[in-house]
Amino acid sequence: MTAQTATQTAPAYLSVNNVEVIYDHVILVLKGVSLDVPEGKIVALLGANGAGKSTTLKSISTLLKGERGEVTKGSIAFRGERVDQLTPNELVKKGMVQVMEGRHCFGHLTVEENLLTGAYTRSLSRGELKESLERVYHYFPRLKTRRTSQSGYTSGGEQQMTAIGRALMAKPTMILLDEPSMGLAPQIVEEIFEIVRDLNQREKVSFLLAEQNTMVALRYADFGYILENGRVVMEGDAKELASNEDVKEFYLGLSSGGRKSFRDVKHYRRRKRWLA
């Protein structure tokens, strides 16, 4: 199943077309990345550390400029409109929010104060603000219990929930979620992914999530892309990828042959479009 096939049943809500990214004017990080996220779907962006997942998300959210990165080729469209030249603030107003890797809570603020910062792009009355907070607390009841606690002293899972809750305060229709499982216990990871699926099904929020935990991500996603060295080397329906023996062998380290690259998987040697 290709990205084109996936979008026949649902139009591309987010479309990344042949994007190249260069850091510091010399370091080529992304090499012609293309992907689609249909409206109301969860799409997983998979790959090892350094594959280019975070850079892909930052190129979409236009946060690259703050890290001396630049999209030098290709285009990015959201809801049919080209957005790669917009500011992050403008993108948030259009309904797209990124939750950064590493959670990035304001440690000196309380949990609730962190959440309130997510609504800065919206002109809300006191009643509407309270309603938005209660919506977040509905999905993250643990945050309501901890709402007066200083974020820097909460657990890693609670900080991740705070970061996602803060994004929800902007009332997005799409969330770019970067490494939500990083540094968290398996039970907390499952809890967070369950909330992601709940938000997707109840609120119809679309997700593009970058994740190293391949098997967990594919269990909750509808579609997946695998990145290696800044290129998409494989894509397909999440269930098909999860059951693919070569994917499991590579990502679960079951090979006795010491493979160092997904490109060595013989079944995909014929798929050399990334070398063209």
Protein backbone atom coordinates (compact mmCIF):
# COMPACT_ATOMS: atom_id res chain seq x y z
CA MET A 1 0.00 0.00 0.00
CA THR A 2 1.47 3.34 -1.05
CA ALA A 3 0.81 6.88 0.16
CA GLN A 4 -1.18 7.42 -3.04
CA THR A 5 -3.38 4.43 -2.22
CA ALA A 6 -3.85 5.65 1.35
CA THR A 7 -5.09 9.03 0.20
CA GLN A 8 -7.63 7.55 -2.22
CA THR A 9 -9.90 6.80 0.74
CA ALA A 10 -9.19 10.07 2.56
CA PRO A 11 -7.78 13.31 1.13
CA ALA A 12 -4.34 14.46 2.28
CA TYR A 13 -4.81 16.85 5.15
CA LEU A 14 -1.08 17.40 5.42
CA SER A 15 1.13 16.86 2.37
CA VAL A 16 4.93 16.92 2.40
CA ASN A 17 6.33 16.82 -1.11
CA ASN A 18 10.00 16.06 -1.89
CA VAL A 19 11.39 18.14 0.97
CA GLU A 20 15.11 18.69 1.44
CA VAL A 21 16.54 20.29 4.58
CA ILE A 22 20.02 21.72 5.09
CA TYR A 23 21.54 22.82 8.40
CA ASP A 24 24.21 25.53 8.59
CA HIS A 25 24.10 25.88 4.77
CA VAL A 26 26.11 22.67 4.30
CA ILE A 27 24.66 19.65 6.15
CA LEU A 28 22.01 17.83 4.10
CA VAL A 29 19.66 16.13 6.60
CA LEU A 30 16.46 15.38 4.65
CA LYS A 31 16.82 14.09 1.09
CA GLY A 32 13.54 14.30 -0.77
CA VAL A 33 11.06 13.28 1.95
CA SER A 34 7.43 12.90 0.87
CA LEU A 35 4.50 11.85 3.03
CA ASP A 36 0.77 12.40 3.44
CA VAL A 37 -1.46 12.52 6.51
CA PRO A 38 -5.16 12.02 5.70
CA GLU A 39 -7.66 13.97 7.77
CA GLY A 40 -8.63 12.26 11.02
CA LYS A 41 -5.85 9.66 10.84
CA ILE A 42 -2.78 8.77 12.90
CA VAL A 43 0.39 8.44 10.83
CA ALA A 44 3.63 7.15 12.36
CA LEU A 45 7.04 8.39 11.25
CA LEU A 46 9.49 5.68 12.27
CA GLY A 47 13.24 5.29 12.32
CA ALA A 48 16.30 5.06 14.49
CA ASN A 49 17.85 8.00 16.32
CA GLY A 50 19.28 10.40 13.74
CA ALA A 51 17.10 9.17 10.88
CA GLY A 52 15.55 12.62 10.39
CA LYS A 53 12.21 12.25 12.19
CA SER A 54 12.46 15.37 14.37
CA THR A 55 13.82 17.39 11.46
CA THR A 56 10.83 16.34 9.36
CA LEU A 57 8.41 17.53 12.04
CA LYS A 58 10.27 20.81 12.50
CA SER A 59 10.28 21.43 8.76
CA ILE A 60 6.48 21.06 8.81
CA SER A 61 6.00 23.28 11.88
CA THR A 62 8.55 25.81 10.53
CA LEU A 63 10.64 25.62 13.72
CA LEU A 64 13.81 24.86 11.74
CA LYS A 65 14.90 28.47 11.45
CA GLY A 66 15.53 28.64 15.17
CA GLU A 67 18.10 25.85 14.75
CA ARG A 68 19.82 27.25 11.64
CA GLY A 69 17.96 24.81 9.42
CA GLU A 70 16.27 25.58 6.11
CA VAL A 71 13.93 23.84 3.69
CA THR A 72 15.80 24.22 0.39
CA LYS A 73 13.59 22.12 -1.85
CA GLY A 74 10.03 20.83 -1.99
CA SER A 75 6.78 22.07 -0.50
CA ILE A 76 4.49 21.51 2.50
CA ALA A 77 0.72 21.97 2.32
CA PHE A 78 -1.83 21.90 5.14
CA ARG A 79 -5.55 21.79 4.35
CA GLY A 80 -4.75 22.52 0.72
CA GLU A 81 -2.67 25.63 1.45
CA ARG A 82 1.09 25.88 1.20
CA VAL A 83 2.44 26.65 4.68
CA ASP A 84 6.23 26.20 4.62
CA GLN A 85 6.80 29.97 4.57
CA LEU A 86 4.52 30.73 7.51
CA THR A 87 5.67 31.41 11.07
CA PRO A 88 5.01 28.83 13.83
CA ASN A 89 2.52 31.28 15.36
CA GLU A 90 0.58 31.50 12.10
CA LEU A 91 0.52 27.71 11.82
CA VAL A 92 -0.89 27.35 15.33
CA LYS A 93 -3.71 29.73 14.38
CA LYS A 94 -4.43 27.53 11.36
CA GLY A 95 -4.78 24.49 13.59
CA MET A 96 -1.37 22.78 13.59
CA VAL A 97 0.69 22.40 16.78
CA GLN A 98 3.94 20.55 17.48
CA VAL A 99 4.70 18.85 20.79
CA MET A 100 8.47 18.89 20.98
CA GLU A 101 10.72 15.99 21.88
CA GLY A 102 11.74 16.09 25.53
CA ARG A 103 8.43 17.62 26.72
CA HIS A 104 9.76 21.19 27.23
CA CYS A 105 7.45 22.26 30.04
CA PHE A 106 8.04 25.55 31.82
CA GLY A 107 9.52 24.06 34.97
CA HIS A 108 8.92 27.10 37.17
CA LEU A 109 5.20 27.28 36.30
CA THR A 110 2.44 25.09 37.69
CA VAL A 111 0.81 22.44 35.53
CA GLU A 112 -2.25 24.63 35.01
CA GLU A 113 -0.16 27.70 34.19
CA ASN A 114 1.65 25.61 31.56
CA LEU A 115 -1.68 24.58 30.08
CA LEU A 116 -2.91 28.18 29.95
CA THR A 117 0.10 29.22 27.86
CA GLY A 118 -1.22 26.96 25.10
CA ALA A 119 -4.26 29.19 24.62
CA TYR A 120 -2.29 32.36 23.87
CA THR A 121 -3.33 32.40 20.18
CA ARG A 122 -7.03 32.28 21.07
CA SER A 123 -9.14 35.16 22.35
CA LEU A 124 -11.14 33.39 25.02
CA SER A 125 -13.47 34.60 27.72
CA ARG A 126 -12.92 33.40 31.28
CA GLY A 127 -15.72 30.86 30.81
CA GLU A 128 -14.30 29.55 27.53
CA LEU A 129 -10.85 29.25 29.07
CA LYS A 130 -12.27 27.23 31.95
CA GLU A 131 -14.13 25.01 29.48
CA SER A 132 -10.92 24.39 27.55
CA LEU A 133 -9.08 23.47 30.75
CA GLU A 134 -11.82 21.03 31.73
CA ARG A 135 -11.58 19.46 28.29
CA VAL A 136 -7.88 18.83 28.85
CA TYR A 137 -8.51 17.50 32.36
CA HIS A 138 -11.11 15.12 30.92
CA TYR A 139 -8.39 13.43 28.87
CA PHE A 140 -5.69 13.84 31.49
CA PRO A 141 -7.36 13.46 34.92
CA ARG A 142 -3.93 13.11 36.51
CA LEU A 143 -3.16 16.70 35.51
CA LYS A 144 -6.23 17.98 37.32
CA THR A 145 -4.95 16.36 40.50
CA ARG A 146 -1.52 17.94 39.94
CA ARG A 147 -2.70 21.27 38.53
CA THR A 148 -1.15 23.38 41.31
CA SER A 149 2.16 21.48 41.33
CA GLN A 150 5.27 23.07 39.85
CA SER A 151 5.87 21.31 36.51
CA GLY A 152 9.58 20.88 37.10
CA TYR A 153 8.79 18.60 40.03
CA THR A 154 6.28 16.37 38.27
CA SER A 155 7.13 12.98 36.74
CA GLY A 156 8.24 12.49 33.14
CA GLY A 157 4.85 11.05 32.23
CA GLU A 158 3.04 13.99 33.81
CA GLN A 159 5.28 16.43 31.94
CA GLN A 160 4.51 14.65 28.67
CA MET A 161 0.81 14.86 29.44
CA THR A 162 1.21 18.55 30.27
CA ALA A 163 2.95 19.18 26.94
CA ILE A 164 0.18 17.43 24.99
CA GLY A 165 -2.50 19.14 27.09
CA ARG A 166 -0.89 22.53 26.41
CA ALA A 167 -1.09 21.77 22.68
CA LEU A 168 -4.78 20.89 23.05
CA MET A 169 -5.45 24.30 24.58
CA ALA A 170 -4.81 25.79 21.13
CA LYS A 171 -7.68 23.62 19.82
CA PRO A 172 -5.65 22.10 16.98
CA THR A 173 -6.94 19.90 14.20
CA MET A 174 -3.47 18.40 13.73
CA ILE A 175 -0.75 17.60 16.26
CA LEU A 176 2.86 16.82 15.38
CA LEU A 177 4.02 14.61 18.25
CA ASP A 178 7.76 14.03 18.61
CA GLU A 179 8.98 10.94 20.51
CA PRO A 180 6.13 10.73 23.06
CA SER A 181 7.54 7.52 24.60
CA MET A 182 11.07 8.80 25.21
CA GLY A 183 12.29 8.05 28.72
CA LEU A 184 8.93 6.78 29.97
CA ALA A 185 7.95 3.49 31.58
CA PRO A 186 6.02 1.10 29.29
CA GLN A 187 2.81 1.49 31.31
CA ILE A 188 2.92 5.29 30.94
CA VAL A 189 3.70 4.96 27.23
CA GLU A 190 0.59 2.82 26.74
CA GLU A 191 -1.49 5.34 28.71
CA ILE A 192 -0.32 8.24 26.55
CA PHE A 193 -0.92 6.36 23.30
CA GLU A 194 -4.41 5.41 24.49
CA ILE A 195 -5.11 9.11 25.06
CA VAL A 196 -3.76 9.92 21.58
CA ARG A 197 -6.15 7.36 20.07
CA ASP A 198 -9.01 8.73 22.17
CA LEU A 199 -8.32 12.27 20.97
CA ASN A 200 -8.16 11.04 17.40
CA GLN A 201 -11.45 9.14 17.59
CA ARG A 202 -13.46 11.57 19.73
CA GLU A 203 -12.06 14.95 18.69
CA LYS A 204 -11.01 13.93 15.15
CA VAL A 205 -7.54 15.36 15.73
CA SER A 206 -5.07 14.16 13.09
CA PHE A 207 -1.64 13.06 14.29
CA LEU A 208 1.79 12.74 12.74
CA LEU A 209 3.94 11.13 15.40
CA ALA A 210 7.67 10.52 15.23
CA GLU A 211 8.63 7.50 17.28
CA GLN A 212 11.49 5.05 17.81
CA ASN A 213 9.21 2.55 19.56
CA THR A 214 8.05 1.02 16.29
CA MET A 215 5.77 -1.72 17.53
CA VAL A 216 3.83 0.52 19.92
CA ALA A 217 3.46 3.27 17.32
CA LEU A 218 2.21 0.87 14.64
CA ARG A 219 -0.33 -0.60 17.05
CA TYR A 220 -2.06 2.78 17.29
CA ALA A 221 -1.34 4.28 13.85
CA ASP A 222 -3.28 3.88 10.61
CA PHE A 223 -0.30 4.28 8.30
CA GLY A 224 3.48 4.36 8.69
CA TYR A 225 6.62 5.68 7.03
CA ILE A 226 10.11 4.42 7.81
CA LEU A 227 12.97 6.92 7.59
CA GLU A 228 16.65 6.11 7.29
CA ASN A 229 19.42 8.66 6.76
CA GLY A 230 16.94 11.36 5.79
CA ARG A 231 15.04 9.28 3.22
CA VAL A 232 11.76 7.37 3.26
CA VAL A 233 12.80 3.77 2.63
CA MET A 234 9.43 2.11 3.22
CA GLU A 235 5.77 3.00 3.77
CA GLY A 236 2.52 1.15 4.21
CA ASP A 237 -0.57 0.33 6.22
CA ALA A 238 0.37 0.16 9.91
CA LYS A 239 -0.93 -3.39 10.38
CA GLU A 240 0.96 -4.61 7.35
CA LEU A 241 4.19 -2.99 8.54
CA ALA A 242 3.74 -4.38 12.05
CA SER A 243 3.37 -7.92 10.71
CA ASN A 244 6.19 -7.63 8.16
CA GLU A 245 8.98 -10.01 9.11
CA ASP A 246 11.76 -7.80 7.80
CA VAL A 247 10.50 -4.77 9.72
CA LYS A 248 10.30 -6.82 12.91
CA GLU A 249 13.73 -8.30 12.30
CA PHE A 250 15.35 -4.92 11.77
CA TYR A 251 13.63 -3.04 14.58
CA LEU A 252 13.55 -5.79 17.17
CA GLY A 253 17.16 -6.82 16.53
CA LEU A 254 16.32 -10.44 15.79
CA SER A 255 18.86 -10.79 13.00
CA SER A 256 21.93 -12.93 13.58
CA GLY A 257 23.63 -11.46 10.55
CA GLY A 258 24.46 -8.12 12.11
CA ARG A 259 22.62 -5.93 9.66
CA LYS A 260 23.49 -2.27 9.96
CA SER A 261 20.97 -0.80 7.57
CA PHE A 262 17.38 -1.33 6.59
CA ARG A 263 18.55 -1.08 2.98
CA ASP A 264 20.23 -4.45 3.45
CA VAL A 265 16.86 -6.17 3.75
CA LYS A 266 16.79 -8.17 0.55
CA HIS A 267 13.05 -7.87 -0.02
CA TYR A 268 13.41 -4.13 -0.50
CA ARG A 269 16.54 -3.93 -2.61
CA ARG A 270 14.28 -3.43 -5.59
CA ARG A 271 12.76 -0.34 -3.94
CA LYS A 272 15.66 1.97 -4.73
CA ARG A 273 13.67 5.04 -5.65
CA TRP A 274 15.53 6.98 -2.93
CA LEU A 275 18.78 6.48 -4.86
CA ALA A 276 17.37 8.01 -8.02
